[in-house]
C-alpha cells in the first residue's frame, strides 16, 4: 500500500496527498472528497478502500487517520452543482476543493504531489498521478476514501433529520429499492439530483397522476 508513496518520496517529494471521493452513485446529496497527507511512519493495519470496510471499521479508522495524519481536508460539490456540470466534473471539483482546503487554516500546507483515485487528474499546478482502483493500492488514497465516506455519511444522516420520508440514514442516498420507492411515492426532495435516472421525470409523472 506504500508503493506509490515511496516512488514519489524517491523523486524528492515530501508532502504527498492521497485524494478520493465518496458519493458518485447516490441519487441525493453532495459528492464529498478528502485529501490526506500521511507521515512516513503512519501505521494502522487494516486500512483499505472504504467500500471494503464495514461502517464500524470506517468509524474506528476515521479518528486514527485524523489524529496521525500530517493534515486532512475535505471538499464538496453540492447536488445543484452535480446537476449543472455532471457528476464526473463535480467529483473532480470536490477533489480540487479538498486540495485547496489543505492550504487553508489550520493546515496551511500545499502538497507537492497528488495521488488521485480513478482515471482523471485535476486542474491544479501540482504534480499528480491518477491511479485506477487507487483506494486499494495506495495507503494515502485509502485513508482519503475513509475520510470522504464517513464525512459524507454524516451529512446524509443530517439530511435524514430534515427529510425523514426518504430514510437517508439507512441508504445514504444510494439507489436502493426502498429509496426509489420513496421517490415514486413522495416525489424528489430538494436535495435529490434532478438529472439522475431514478429522479428525473418523477415529479412530472407524479403531477400527471
C-alpha atoms as a PDB file:
ATOM      1  CA  UNK A   1       0.000   0.000   0.000  1.00  0.00           C
ATOM      2  CA  UNK A   2       3.062   2.306   0.172  1.00  0.00           C
ATOM      3  CA  UNK A   3       4.393   1.614  -3.348  1.00  0.00           C
ATOM      4  CA  UNK A   4       3.159   4.835  -4.964  1.00  0.00           C
ATOM      5  CA  UNK A   5       4.101   6.968  -1.979  1.00  0.00           C
ATOM      6  CA  UNK A   6       7.625   5.515  -1.974  1.00  0.00           C
ATOM      7  CA  UNK A   7       8.043   6.290  -5.673  1.00  0.00           C
ATOM      8  CA  UNK A   8       7.070   9.905  -5.006  1.00  0.00           C
ATOM      9  CA  UNK A   9       9.362  10.118  -1.979  1.00  0.00           C
ATOM     10  CA  UNK A  10      12.222   8.788  -4.112  1.00  0.00           C
ATOM     11  CA  UNK A  11      11.594  11.597  -6.608  1.00  0.00           C
ATOM     12  CA  UNK A  12      12.132  14.112  -3.829  1.00  0.00           C
ATOM     13  CA  UNK A  13       8.509  14.766  -2.913  1.00  0.00           C
ATOM     14  CA  UNK A  14       7.838  15.313   0.781  1.00  0.00           C
ATOM     15  CA  UNK A  15       4.143  16.167   1.099  1.00  0.00           C
ATOM     16  CA  UNK A  16       2.157  13.533  -0.785  1.00  0.00           C
ATOM     17  CA  UNK A  17      -1.622  13.833  -0.640  1.00  0.00           C
ATOM     18  CA  UNK A  18      -3.984  10.967  -1.362  1.00  0.00           C
ATOM     19  CA  UNK A  19      -7.278  12.121  -2.908  1.00  0.00           C
ATOM     20  CA  UNK A  20     -10.555  10.233  -3.133  1.00  0.00           C
ATOM     21  CA  UNK A  21     -14.275  10.936  -3.277  1.00  0.00           C
ATOM     22  CA  UNK A  22     -17.477   9.422  -1.937  1.00  0.00           C
ATOM     23  CA  UNK A  23     -20.927   9.789  -3.380  1.00  0.00           C
ATOM     24  CA  UNK A  24     -20.784   9.457  -7.148  1.00  0.00           C
ATOM     25  CA  UNK A  25     -23.563   6.878  -7.279  1.00  0.00           C
ATOM     26  CA  UNK A  26     -26.287   8.202  -4.952  1.00  0.00           C
ATOM     27  CA  UNK A  27     -29.478   9.870  -6.136  1.00  0.00           C
ATOM     28  CA  UNK A  28     -29.286  12.576  -3.472  1.00  0.00           C
ATOM     29  CA  UNK A  29     -26.858  14.732  -1.539  1.00  0.00           C
ATOM     30  CA  UNK A  30     -23.386  16.045  -2.328  1.00  0.00           C
ATOM     31  CA  UNK A  31     -20.252  14.358  -3.559  1.00  0.00           C
ATOM     32  CA  UNK A  32     -17.510  14.685  -0.940  1.00  0.00           C
ATOM     33  CA  UNK A  33     -13.749  14.371  -1.439  1.00  0.00           C
ATOM     34  CA  UNK A  34     -10.884  14.166   1.015  1.00  0.00           C
ATOM     35  CA  UNK A  35      -7.196  14.982   0.762  1.00  0.00           C
ATOM     36  CA  UNK A  36      -4.923  13.229   3.251  1.00  0.00           C
ATOM     37  CA  UNK A  37      -1.175  13.591   3.785  1.00  0.00           C
ATOM     38  CA  UNK A  38       0.257  10.793   5.936  1.00  0.00           C
ATOM     39  CA  UNK A  39       3.626  10.746   7.714  1.00  0.00           C
ATOM     40  CA  UNK A  40       6.174   8.142   6.613  1.00  0.00           C
ATOM     41  CA  UNK A  41       5.793   6.282   9.898  1.00  0.00           C
ATOM     42  CA  UNK A  42       1.996   6.061   9.722  1.00  0.00           C
ATOM     43  CA  UNK A  43       0.787   2.607  10.715  1.00  0.00           C
ATOM     44  CA  UNK A  44      -2.803   1.420  11.002  1.00  0.00           C
ATOM     45  CA  UNK A  45      -3.253  -2.242   9.978  1.00  0.00           C
ATOM     46  CA  UNK A  46      -6.458  -2.962   8.111  1.00  0.00           C
ATOM     47  CA  UNK A  47      -6.869   0.324   6.276  1.00  0.00           C
ATOM     48  CA  UNK A  48      -8.029  -0.197   2.703  1.00  0.00           C
ATOM     49  CA  UNK A  49     -10.701   1.000   0.272  1.00  0.00           C
ATOM     50  CA  UNK A  50     -13.607   2.285   2.391  1.00  0.00           C
ATOM     51  CA  UNK A  51     -16.076   0.269   0.288  1.00  0.00           C
ATOM     52  CA  UNK A  52     -14.436  -2.920   1.579  1.00  0.00           C
ATOM     53  CA  UNK A  53     -14.830  -1.876   5.212  1.00  0.00           C
ATOM     54  CA  UNK A  54     -17.853  -2.049   7.475  1.00  0.00           C
ATOM     55  CA  UNK A  55     -19.282   1.183   8.836  1.00  0.00           C
ATOM     56  CA  UNK A  56     -17.930   0.175  12.251  1.00  0.00           C
ATOM     57  CA  UNK A  57     -14.394  -0.208  10.861  1.00  0.00           C
ATOM     58  CA  UNK A  58     -14.587   3.089   8.963  1.00  0.00           C
ATOM     59  CA  UNK A  59     -15.702   4.881  12.112  1.00  0.00           C
ATOM     60  CA  UNK A  60     -12.845   3.245  14.004  1.00  0.00           C
ATOM     61  CA  UNK A  61     -10.187   4.294  11.464  1.00  0.00           C
ATOM     62  CA  UNK A  62     -11.560   7.833  10.941  1.00  0.00           C
ATOM     63  CA  UNK A  63     -10.220   9.395  14.183  1.00  0.00           C
ATOM     64  CA  UNK A  64      -6.929   7.480  13.884  1.00  0.00           C
ATOM     65  CA  UNK A  65      -6.312   8.980  10.448  1.00  0.00           C
ATOM     66  CA  UNK A  66      -7.345  12.462  11.614  1.00  0.00           C
ATOM     67  CA  UNK A  67      -5.043  12.248  14.634  1.00  0.00           C
ATOM     68  CA  UNK A  68      -1.957  10.787  12.949  1.00  0.00           C
ATOM     69  CA  UNK A  69      -2.082  12.479   9.520  1.00  0.00           C
ATOM     70  CA  UNK A  70       0.129  15.441   8.713  1.00  0.00           C
ATOM     71  CA  UNK A  71      -3.097  17.082   7.598  1.00  0.00           C
ATOM     72  CA  UNK A  72      -6.599  16.257   6.382  1.00  0.00           C
ATOM     73  CA  UNK A  73      -9.061  18.368   4.403  1.00  0.00           C
ATOM     74  CA  UNK A  74     -12.364  17.786   2.667  1.00  0.00           C
ATOM     75  CA  UNK A  75     -14.119  19.399  -0.277  1.00  0.00           C
ATOM     76  CA  UNK A  76     -17.667  19.115  -1.527  1.00  0.00           C
ATOM     77  CA  UNK A  77     -19.786  19.695  -4.617  1.00  0.00           C
ATOM     78  CA  UNK A  78     -23.500  20.125  -3.993  1.00  0.00           C
ATOM     79  CA  UNK A  79     -26.387  18.341  -5.660  1.00  0.00           C
ATOM     80  CA  UNK A  80     -27.052  21.600  -7.555  1.00  0.00           C
ATOM     81  CA  UNK A  81     -23.513  21.593  -8.953  1.00  0.00           C
ATOM     82  CA  UNK A  82     -23.820  17.913  -9.866  1.00  0.00           C
ATOM     83  CA  UNK A  83     -26.947  18.713 -11.886  1.00  0.00           C
ATOM     84  CA  UNK A  84     -25.262  21.694 -13.528  1.00  0.00           C
ATOM     85  CA  UNK A  85     -21.904  20.203 -14.572  1.00  0.00           C
ATOM     86  CA  UNK A  86     -22.452  16.390 -14.297  1.00  0.00           C
ATOM     87  CA  UNK A  87     -21.215  14.000 -11.638  1.00  0.00           C
ATOM     88  CA  UNK A  88     -17.718  13.452 -13.090  1.00  0.00           C
ATOM     89  CA  UNK A  89     -16.920  17.162 -13.242  1.00  0.00           C
ATOM     90  CA  UNK A  90     -18.483  17.704  -9.812  1.00  0.00           C
ATOM     91  CA  UNK A  91     -16.337  14.908  -8.374  1.00  0.00           C
ATOM     92  CA  UNK A  92     -13.185  16.471  -9.805  1.00  0.00           C
ATOM     93  CA  UNK A  93     -14.303  19.872  -8.486  1.00  0.00           C
ATOM     94  CA  UNK A  94     -14.774  18.467  -4.988  1.00  0.00           C
ATOM     95  CA  UNK A  95     -11.281  16.924  -5.191  1.00  0.00           C
ATOM     96  CA  UNK A  96      -9.812  20.270  -6.221  1.00  0.00           C
ATOM     97  CA  UNK A  97     -11.563  21.959  -3.306  1.00  0.00           C
ATOM     98  CA  UNK A  98     -10.224  19.341  -0.877  1.00  0.00           C
ATOM     99  CA  UNK A  99      -6.651  20.003  -2.040  1.00  0.00           C
ATOM    100  CA  UNK A 100      -7.174  23.773  -1.839  1.00  0.00           C
ATOM    101  CA  UNK A 101      -8.543  23.402   1.694  1.00  0.00           C
ATOM    102  CA  UNK A 102      -5.258  21.814   2.776  1.00  0.00           C
ATOM    103  CA  UNK A 103      -3.706  25.258   2.370  1.00  0.00           C
ATOM    104  CA  UNK A 104      -6.371  26.947   4.497  1.00  0.00           C
ATOM    105  CA  UNK A 105      -6.406  27.298   8.291  1.00  0.00           C
ATOM    106  CA  UNK A 106      -5.485  25.387  10.377  1.00  0.00           C
ATOM    107  CA  UNK A 107      -3.222  23.416   7.996  1.00  0.00           C
ATOM    108  CA  UNK A 108      -1.605  25.980   5.684  1.00  0.00           C
ATOM    109  CA  UNK A 109       0.031  23.117   3.757  1.00  0.00           C
ATOM    110  CA  UNK A 110       0.469  22.798  -0.006  1.00  0.00           C
ATOM    111  CA  UNK A 111       1.263  19.237  -1.157  1.00  0.00           C
ATOM    112  CA  UNK A 112       3.984  18.704  -3.738  1.00  0.00           C
ATOM    113  CA  UNK A 113       2.438  15.545  -5.204  1.00  0.00           C
ATOM    114  CA  UNK A 114      -1.117  14.195  -5.533  1.00  0.00           C
ATOM    115  CA  UNK A 115      -2.184  10.564  -5.765  1.00  0.00           C
ATOM    116  CA  UNK A 116      -5.722  10.577  -7.143  1.00  0.00           C
ATOM    117  CA  UNK A 117      -8.142   7.670  -7.236  1.00  0.00           C
ATOM    118  CA  UNK A 118      -9.522   6.966 -10.698  1.00  0.00           C
ATOM    119  CA  UNK A 119      -8.604   7.747 -14.300  1.00  0.00           C
ATOM    120  CA  UNK A 120      -8.552  11.538 -14.164  1.00  0.00           C
ATOM    121  CA  UNK A 121      -6.226  14.157 -12.737  1.00  0.00           C
ATOM    122  CA  UNK A 122      -7.433  17.572 -11.579  1.00  0.00           C
ATOM    123  CA  UNK A 123      -6.690  21.032 -12.947  1.00  0.00           C
ATOM    124  CA  UNK A 124      -4.068  22.199 -10.485  1.00  0.00           C
ATOM    125  CA  UNK A 125      -0.461  23.256 -10.806  1.00  0.00           C
ATOM    126  CA  UNK A 126       0.746  20.348  -8.652  1.00  0.00           C
ATOM    127  CA  UNK A 127       2.434  17.165  -9.891  1.00  0.00           C
ATOM    128  CA  UNK A 128      -0.041  14.311  -9.757  1.00  0.00           C
ATOM    129  CA  UNK A 129      -0.847  10.788 -10.786  1.00  0.00           C
ATOM    130  CA  UNK A 130      -4.246   9.151 -11.340  1.00  0.00           C
ATOM    131  CA  UNK A 131      -4.445   5.533 -10.155  1.00  0.00           C
ATOM    132  CA  UNK A 132      -7.304   3.271 -11.163  1.00  0.00           C
ATOM    133  CA  UNK A 133      -8.589   1.489  -8.028  1.00  0.00           C
ATOM    134  CA  UNK A 134      -6.070   3.566  -6.124  1.00  0.00           C
ATOM    135  CA  UNK A 135      -8.047   3.170  -2.898  1.00  0.00           C
ATOM    136  CA  UNK A 136      -6.903  -0.465  -2.880  1.00  0.00           C
ATOM    137  CA  UNK A 137      -3.313   0.295  -3.927  1.00  0.00           C
ATOM    138  CA  UNK A 138      -2.276   3.439  -2.037  1.00  0.00           C
ATOM    139  CA  UNK A 139      -2.413   3.923   1.735  1.00  0.00           C
ATOM    140  CA  UNK A 140      -2.907   7.690   1.290  1.00  0.00           C
ATOM    141  CA  UNK A 141      -5.835   7.244  -1.108  1.00  0.00           C
ATOM    142  CA  UNK A 142      -7.344   4.546   1.132  1.00  0.00           C
ATOM    143  CA  UNK A 143      -7.167   6.942   4.086  1.00  0.00           C
ATOM    144  CA  UNK A 144      -8.791   9.661   1.978  1.00  0.00           C
ATOM    145  CA  UNK A 145     -11.566   7.273   0.940  1.00  0.00           C
ATOM    146  CA  UNK A 146     -12.394   6.620   4.601  1.00  0.00           C
ATOM    147  CA  UNK A 147     -12.413  10.319   5.493  1.00  0.00           C
ATOM    148  CA  UNK A 148     -14.615  11.136   2.487  1.00  0.00           C
ATOM    149  CA  UNK A 149     -17.056   8.291   3.129  1.00  0.00           C
ATOM    150  CA  UNK A 150     -17.507   8.938   6.853  1.00  0.00           C
ATOM    151  CA  UNK A 151     -17.860  12.673   6.246  1.00  0.00           C
ATOM    152  CA  UNK A 152     -20.495  12.176   3.562  1.00  0.00           C
ATOM    153  CA  UNK A 153     -22.399   9.612   5.648  1.00  0.00           C
ATOM    154  CA  UNK A 154     -22.559  12.176   8.445  1.00  0.00           C
ATOM    155  CA  UNK A 155     -24.029  14.729   6.037  1.00  0.00           C
ATOM    156  CA  UNK A 156     -26.653  12.230   4.869  1.00  0.00           C
ATOM    157  CA  UNK A 157     -27.610  11.462   8.483  1.00  0.00           C
ATOM    158  CA  UNK A 158     -28.240  15.174   8.981  1.00  0.00           C
ATOM    159  CA  UNK A 159     -30.313  15.281   5.787  1.00  0.00           C
ATOM    160  CA  UNK A 160     -32.338  12.345   7.129  1.00  0.00           C
ATOM    161  CA  UNK A 161     -33.442  14.546  10.033  1.00  0.00           C
ATOM    162  CA  UNK A 162     -34.625  17.151   7.540  1.00  0.00           C
ATOM    163  CA  UNK A 163     -36.228  14.741   5.049  1.00  0.00           C
ATOM    164  CA  UNK A 164     -37.178  11.609   7.071  1.00  0.00           C
ATOM    165  CA  UNK A 165     -39.557  10.272   4.413  1.00  0.00           C
ATOM    166  CA  UNK A 166     -36.595   9.080   2.326  1.00  0.00           C
ATOM    167  CA  UNK A 167     -34.691   7.252   5.099  1.00  0.00           C
ATOM    168  CA  UNK A 168     -31.299   8.654   4.080  1.00  0.00           C
ATOM    169  CA  UNK A 169     -29.863   7.379   7.365  1.00  0.00           C
ATOM    170  CA  UNK A 170     -30.155   3.821   6.054  1.00  0.00           C
ATOM    171  CA  UNK A 171     -29.048   4.007   2.406  1.00  0.00           C
ATOM    172  CA  UNK A 172     -27.176   7.374   2.393  1.00  0.00           C
ATOM    173  CA  UNK A 173     -28.931   8.348  -0.838  1.00  0.00           C
ATOM    174  CA  UNK A 174     -27.887   5.314  -2.898  1.00  0.00           C
ATOM    175  CA  UNK A 175     -30.485   3.874  -5.303  1.00  0.00           C
ATOM    176  CA  UNK A 176     -31.825   1.053  -3.157  1.00  0.00           C
ATOM    177  CA  UNK A 177     -35.259  -0.339  -3.878  1.00  0.00           C
ATOM    178  CA  UNK A 178     -36.703   1.339  -0.778  1.00  0.00           C
ATOM    179  CA  UNK A 179     -35.199   4.682  -1.771  1.00  0.00           C
ATOM    180  CA  UNK A 180     -36.568   4.521  -5.306  1.00  0.00           C
ATOM    181  CA  UNK A 181     -39.994   3.554  -3.968  1.00  0.00           C
ATOM    182  CA  UNK A 182     -39.915   6.553  -1.610  1.00  0.00           C
ATOM    183  CA  UNK A 183     -39.143   8.850  -4.549  1.00  0.00           C
ATOM    184  CA  UNK A 184     -42.017   7.363  -6.531  1.00  0.00           C
ATOM    185  CA  UNK A 185     -44.379   7.779  -3.588  1.00  0.00           C
ATOM    186  CA  UNK A 186     -43.376  11.236  -2.393  1.00  0.00           C
ATOM    187  CA  UNK A 187     -41.565  12.737  -5.372  1.00  0.00           C
ATOM    188  CA  UNK A 188     -37.990  14.085  -5.152  1.00  0.00           C
ATOM    189  CA  UNK A 189     -36.992  16.266  -2.216  1.00  0.00           C
ATOM    190  CA  UNK A 190     -34.832  19.420  -2.561  1.00  0.00           C
ATOM    191  CA  UNK A 191     -31.530  17.513  -2.191  1.00  0.00           C
ATOM    192  CA  UNK A 192     -32.223  14.917  -4.876  1.00  0.00           C
ATOM    193  CA  UNK A 193     -30.104  15.059  -8.026  1.00  0.00           C
ATOM    194  CA  UNK A 194     -32.678  16.069 -10.606  1.00  0.00           C
ATOM    195  CA  UNK A 195     -30.651  14.891 -13.630  1.00  0.00           C
ATOM    196  CA  UNK A 196     -30.141  11.341 -12.338  1.00  0.00           C
ATOM    197  CA  UNK A 197     -32.069   8.368 -13.661  1.00  0.00           C
ATOM    198  CA  UNK A 198     -34.484   7.380 -10.930  1.00  0.00           C
ATOM    199  CA  UNK A 199     -35.158  11.022 -10.059  1.00  0.00           C
ATOM    200  CA  UNK A 200     -35.501  12.770 -13.416  1.00  0.00           C
ATOM    201  CA  UNK A 201     -39.096  12.907 -14.569  1.00  0.00           C
ATOM    202  CA  UNK A 202     -40.581  11.572 -11.317  1.00  0.00           C
ATOM    203  CA  UNK A 203     -42.027  14.950 -10.302  1.00  0.00           C
ATOM    204  CA  UNK A 204     -43.682  15.380 -13.705  1.00  0.00           C
ATOM    205  CA  UNK A 205     -45.015  11.816 -13.579  1.00  0.00           C
ATOM    206  CA  UNK A 206     -46.497  12.329 -10.127  1.00  0.00           C
ATOM    207  CA  UNK A 207     -48.033  15.658 -11.127  1.00  0.00           C
ATOM    208  CA  UNK A 208     -49.666  13.947 -14.067  1.00  0.00           C
ATOM    209  CA  UNK A 209     -51.485  11.395 -11.940  1.00  0.00           C
END
